[in-house]
Every structure is written in C-alpha cells, then in structure tokens.
Protein backbone atom coordinates (compact mmCIF):
# COMPACT_ATOMS: atom_id res chain seq x y z
CA MET A 1 32.55 -21.43 -15.19
CA ALA A 2 33.84 -17.91 -14.43
CA GLY A 3 32.25 -15.22 -16.57
CA ILE A 4 29.19 -17.28 -17.53
CA VAL A 5 26.02 -15.21 -17.12
CA PRO A 6 22.98 -17.21 -15.91
CA LEU A 7 19.91 -17.10 -18.15
CA MET A 8 17.73 -16.50 -15.10
CA ASP A 9 18.18 -15.39 -11.50
CA LEU A 10 15.36 -15.69 -8.99
CA ILE A 11 15.75 -13.81 -5.70
CA LEU A 12 13.35 -15.02 -3.00
CA VAL A 13 12.85 -12.59 -0.11
CA ARG A 14 10.84 -13.44 2.97
CA HIS A 15 8.77 -10.55 4.30
CA ALA A 16 10.03 -8.64 7.32
CA GLN A 17 8.66 -9.20 10.84
CA PRO A 18 4.88 -8.68 11.05
CA GLN A 19 2.77 -7.46 13.97
CA TRP A 20 0.78 -10.67 14.42
CA ILE A 21 -0.81 -9.63 17.70
CA VAL A 22 -2.57 -6.30 18.28
CA ASP A 23 -3.94 -5.63 21.78
CA GLY A 24 -3.82 -9.37 22.53
CA LEU A 25 -5.82 -10.32 19.42
CA ALA A 26 -4.62 -12.15 16.31
CA ASP A 27 -4.46 -10.41 12.93
CA ASN A 28 -4.68 -12.66 9.85
CA ASP A 29 -3.22 -10.00 7.54
CA PRO A 30 -0.84 -8.00 9.73
CA ARG A 31 1.23 -4.99 8.90
CA LEU A 32 4.95 -4.90 9.65
CA SER A 33 6.10 -4.33 13.21
CA GLN A 34 8.44 -1.47 14.03
CA LEU A 35 11.37 -3.89 13.80
CA GLY A 36 9.91 -5.27 10.58
CA ARG A 37 9.92 -1.83 8.98
CA PHE A 38 13.56 -1.48 9.94
CA GLN A 39 14.37 -4.92 8.48
CA ALA A 40 12.60 -4.02 5.23
CA ASP A 41 14.51 -0.74 4.98
CA ARG A 42 17.78 -2.68 5.30
CA LEU A 43 16.98 -4.48 2.04
CA HIS A 44 18.13 -1.37 0.20
CA LYS A 45 21.74 -2.44 0.80
CA PRO A 46 21.77 -5.75 -1.14
CA SER A 47 19.13 -4.69 -3.65
CA ARG A 48 21.38 -1.95 -5.04
CA ALA A 49 23.27 -4.72 -6.83
CA TRP A 50 20.16 -6.33 -8.32
CA ASP A 51 19.49 -5.52 -11.96
CA LEU A 52 15.83 -6.51 -11.70
CA THR A 53 13.60 -7.11 -14.67
CA GLU A 54 10.57 -7.77 -12.43
CA LEU A 55 9.47 -7.60 -8.79
CA TRP A 56 6.64 -9.84 -7.56
CA THR A 57 4.94 -9.90 -4.18
CA SER A 58 2.09 -11.75 -2.53
CA THR A 59 -1.07 -9.72 -1.95
CA LEU A 60 -0.66 -9.79 1.86
CA ARG A 61 0.33 -6.58 3.62
CA ARG A 62 3.48 -7.90 5.28
CA ALA A 63 4.85 -8.74 1.82
CA THR A 64 3.69 -5.62 -0.02
CA GLU A 65 5.06 -3.37 2.75
CA THR A 66 8.40 -5.20 2.69
CA ALA A 67 8.65 -4.64 -1.07
CA VAL A 68 8.23 -0.84 -0.90
CA PRO A 69 11.81 0.17 0.03
CA LEU A 70 13.20 -2.63 -2.13
CA ALA A 71 11.24 -1.37 -5.14
CA THR A 72 12.49 2.18 -4.59
CA THR A 73 16.14 1.11 -4.52
CA ALA A 74 15.95 -1.52 -7.26
CA GLY A 75 13.80 0.62 -9.52
CA ALA A 76 11.13 -2.00 -10.18
CA ARG A 77 7.36 -1.68 -9.79
CA PRO A 78 5.89 -4.46 -7.62
CA ALA A 79 3.25 -6.76 -9.13
CA ALA A 80 1.09 -8.56 -6.54
CA HIS A 81 -0.03 -12.16 -7.16
CA ALA A 82 -2.49 -14.03 -4.93
CA TRP A 83 -0.90 -17.39 -5.76
CA LEU A 84 2.14 -16.20 -3.77
CA ASP A 85 0.08 -15.73 -0.58
CA GLU A 86 1.03 -17.77 2.49
CA LEU A 87 -0.98 -20.80 3.61
CA ARG A 88 -4.35 -19.24 4.47
CA PRO A 89 -5.33 -19.55 8.14
CA PRO A 90 -8.88 -20.09 9.44
CA SER A 91 -10.86 -16.86 9.04
CA SER A 92 -12.10 -17.34 12.59
CA TRP A 93 -8.59 -16.65 13.89
CA HIS A 94 -8.80 -12.96 12.97
CA GLY A 95 -9.61 -11.05 16.14
CA SER A 96 -9.34 -14.14 18.35
CA PRO A 97 -7.28 -14.16 21.57
CA ALA A 98 -3.65 -14.84 20.72
CA GLN A 99 -3.41 -17.76 23.13
CA LEU A 100 -6.12 -19.67 21.24
CA VAL A 101 -4.17 -19.38 17.98
CA GLU A 102 -0.93 -20.39 19.69
CA GLN A 103 -2.67 -23.43 21.17
CA ALA A 104 -4.03 -24.47 17.76
CA PHE A 105 -0.53 -24.24 16.26
CA ALA A 106 0.97 -26.26 19.08
CA GLU A 107 -1.64 -29.00 18.75
CA SER A 108 -1.23 -29.17 14.97
CA ARG A 109 2.47 -29.97 15.31
CA THR A 110 1.75 -33.20 17.22
CA ARG A 111 -0.32 -34.75 14.42
CA ASP A 112 0.80 -37.70 12.33
CA PRO A 113 3.02 -36.42 9.49
CA ASP A 114 0.59 -37.60 6.80
CA ASP A 115 -2.18 -35.57 8.44
CA TRP A 116 -0.23 -32.37 7.88
CA TRP A 117 -1.50 -32.36 4.30
CA ASP A 118 -4.96 -31.44 5.64
CA GLY A 119 -3.77 -28.21 7.23
CA ILE A 120 -5.52 -26.72 10.24
CA ALA A 121 -9.29 -27.14 10.51
CA GLY A 122 -11.04 -24.19 8.91
CA GLY A 123 -7.95 -23.07 7.00
CA GLU A 124 -6.46 -23.88 3.61
CA SER A 125 -5.19 -27.43 3.18
CA VAL A 126 -1.49 -27.88 2.51
CA ARG A 127 -2.44 -29.84 -0.62
CA ASN A 128 -4.28 -26.80 -1.98
CA PHE A 129 -1.47 -24.48 -0.89
CA HIS A 130 1.09 -26.61 -2.69
CA ASP A 131 -1.00 -26.82 -5.87
CA ARG A 132 -1.73 -23.08 -5.81
CA VAL A 133 1.91 -22.03 -5.47
CA TRP A 134 3.39 -24.56 -7.88
CA SER A 135 0.79 -24.08 -10.61
CA GLY A 136 1.01 -20.30 -10.25
CA MET A 137 4.80 -20.34 -10.55
CA GLU A 138 4.76 -22.73 -13.49
CA ARG A 139 2.26 -20.49 -15.33
CA ALA A 140 4.29 -17.37 -14.57
CA LEU A 141 7.52 -18.99 -15.79
CA ALA A 142 5.83 -20.37 -18.91
CA ASP A 143 4.63 -16.84 -19.76
CA ARG A 144 8.31 -15.88 -19.73
CA GLY A 145 9.51 -18.76 -21.89
CA VAL A 146 10.63 -21.04 -19.05
CA ARG A 147 9.15 -24.55 -19.14
CA ARG A 148 10.01 -27.99 -17.86
CA SER A 149 12.29 -29.87 -20.21
CA ASN A 150 10.82 -32.75 -22.19
CA THR A 151 13.96 -34.78 -21.48
CA HIS A 152 14.02 -34.55 -17.67
CA ARG A 153 11.39 -33.23 -15.28
CA GLN A 154 14.02 -31.66 -13.02
CA LEU A 155 15.45 -29.62 -15.89
CA TRP A 156 14.03 -26.53 -17.60
CA ASP A 157 14.08 -24.98 -21.05
CA ILE A 158 14.74 -21.22 -20.97
CA ALA A 159 13.96 -19.35 -24.15
CA GLU A 160 15.51 -15.93 -23.48
CA PRO A 161 18.47 -14.87 -21.32
CA GLY A 162 18.72 -12.04 -18.87
CA ALA A 163 15.73 -12.25 -16.51
CA THR A 164 16.27 -11.36 -12.85
CA ILE A 165 13.07 -11.60 -10.80
CA ALA A 166 12.77 -10.77 -7.10
CA ILE A 167 9.88 -12.40 -5.24
CA VAL A 168 8.81 -11.00 -1.86
CA ALA A 169 6.62 -13.61 -0.23
CA HIS A 170 6.50 -15.88 2.84
CA GLY A 171 8.34 -18.64 4.63
CA GLY A 172 5.98 -21.33 3.37
CA THR A 173 5.60 -19.91 -0.13
CA ASN A 174 9.32 -19.47 -0.66
CA ALA A 175 9.99 -22.96 0.69
CA LEU A 176 7.55 -24.41 -1.86
CA LEU A 177 9.18 -22.40 -4.65
CA LEU A 178 12.57 -23.80 -3.67
CA GLY A 179 11.18 -27.33 -3.79
CA LEU A 180 9.79 -26.72 -7.27
CA LEU A 181 12.92 -25.07 -8.68
CA LEU A 182 15.35 -27.56 -7.15
CA GLY A 183 13.28 -30.61 -8.14
CA LEU A 184 12.80 -31.92 -4.59
CA GLU A 185 10.33 -34.49 -3.36
CA ILE A 186 7.47 -32.61 -1.73
CA VAL A 187 6.53 -32.89 1.94
CA PRO A 188 3.72 -31.11 3.85
CA TRP A 189 6.18 -29.34 6.17
CA GLU A 190 8.28 -27.51 3.56
CA TRP A 191 8.62 -24.39 5.75
CA GLU A 192 10.26 -26.50 8.44
CA ARG A 193 13.06 -27.86 6.26
CA PHE A 194 13.67 -24.42 4.72
CA ALA A 195 13.69 -22.16 7.80
CA LEU A 196 13.94 -18.59 6.49
CA ALA A 197 14.51 -15.48 8.59
CA HIS A 198 12.44 -12.33 8.20
CA ALA A 199 13.86 -10.24 5.34
CA GLY A 200 16.21 -13.11 4.51
CA ILE A 201 17.40 -13.43 0.92
CA THR A 202 17.68 -16.65 -1.08
CA LYS A 203 19.06 -16.70 -4.62
CA VAL A 204 18.56 -19.40 -7.26
CA SER A 205 20.33 -19.22 -10.63
CA SER A 206 20.04 -21.28 -13.78
CA VAL A 207 23.00 -23.40 -14.91
CA GLN A 208 23.29 -25.27 -18.18
CA ILE A 209 22.95 -29.06 -18.10
CA GLY A 210 23.26 -30.47 -21.62
CA THR A 211 20.77 -28.60 -23.77
CA ALA A 212 18.56 -27.65 -20.80
CA PHE A 213 19.03 -25.87 -17.46
CA SER A 214 18.94 -26.69 -13.78
CA PHE A 215 18.32 -24.20 -11.00
CA SER A 216 21.22 -23.93 -8.58
CA LEU A 217 20.91 -22.69 -4.98
CA ARG A 218 23.49 -19.90 -4.69
CA THR A 219 22.45 -18.13 -1.46
CA PHE A 220 20.12 -19.34 1.28
CA GLY A 221 18.44 -17.11 3.85
CA ASP A 222 21.16 -14.44 3.77
CA THR A 223 20.73 -11.86 6.56
CA SER A 224 24.14 -10.19 6.31
CA HIS A 225 22.37 -6.88 5.64
CA LEU A 226 20.95 -7.06 9.20
CA ASP A 227 22.66 -6.70 12.54
CA PRO A 228 22.53 -10.11 14.30
CA ALA A 229 20.39 -8.56 17.03
CA HIS A 230 17.76 -7.71 14.41
CA VAL A 231 17.42 -11.20 12.91
CA THR A 232 14.05 -12.84 13.68
CA TYR A 233 12.10 -15.86 12.44
C-alpha cells in the first residue's frame, strides 16, 4: 500500500470556540471567542502540508472566521455553503437569557431516543438536518465526479484523481458527513458518537475496493496543533 496516492482526501475541520454568550444573552450566530481566534490561528501549522484543491465552509460566522487563517496558509479561497450549516436552533433563542437555552438543552437530552429526530421545538428537525447535509454533500461530490457505486451503496465511483477538499463546519455537520462517507447506519445523535474538539481535524481518504472506492478514516479529531490547555469542546 505504500506509495499509493488516494484519489480523494477530505479534511473535516470543526470551527474554533465561539462566543455563545454575550452579556448573559445567547447568540445564535456567534463570532469566535478570544481563545477561538487563537485556536483558528493554530490551524496554520497542519494546513501548510495540505495541497488543497478546494476549501468549503458553512455560512455561519464561527466557521467562516475559522477558515480565514487556514485559507491564507493553504492558499485556497473559501466557498460558503448553507447546506453545511449546523442544526438550526429556534430563532427565539437569539437574545434570550443563557440559562433558558441551557435548560432547553438539558431537557432535550432526557427525551426518548426516537424523539430526538424531531429536534428542539421551534428549531430545525434532525430529520431535515440530516437530509440537508447528506443531499448537499452528495450533490457537491457528484459535481466533482464522485458518485455512489452501482454495485454497493457503501462504495463510490471516483472519476478523476487528485482532489483534496477541506471542509470547515460544525460538530453535528461533520459527524453527519462522517456517517455518509463511512457508510454508517444513521442515528439522531450523530454529534454524540463523533465528539469533535474545537479546531479539531479529521481526515478521510479514498481507498480502492475492487473497481470502486471506500472512504477510510485516517485521522479523527486531531488537536496536536493545540496545547492541551487550549483544547475545548
């Protein structure tokens, strides 16, 4: 296997730490915190080795701000896609007291597992979130000659070699992308089984299986570019 160049590398980066609470009030689309800006700047170390063909982000500020130093080092212009946005919270949360949002999260975790598909009242359902992310990724890959194999749904046909795409998104979004690429059975708590640190790096590479390709998890949630004291979730 040594010396074989993958036809496609996908590098999934979770955004750096956001400033969720401002003056005791919740922010639905927060900027990075001071620590988050530091975490994002540290991405210049690993990204120097990335020969990127594309850089994608979600449209949310914590992702687009995280991508700025990465784009400078890797020499790729970010393209923002709304289908990469995190599960959308209730609009009423914006500007609400932080303790009310924390209480809603705590209560949602005690629900029956099947009820998790419905999401939190007033916000996006997990069913819609799943469909949005998976269909968006499948369309984006198809535009680049990457489609599910006709012989096996967990395998892919890749038309052209050489693509390396970095995706700066969110814990939930990146967890869903991993489920899609690795062919896993879906659950409505994907972000819980793939716990990703802020500014953590996950790499998935294609490997040949017969005449098609599988995606192989090569690195998961790597934070070696951060001091342990600066790792947050």
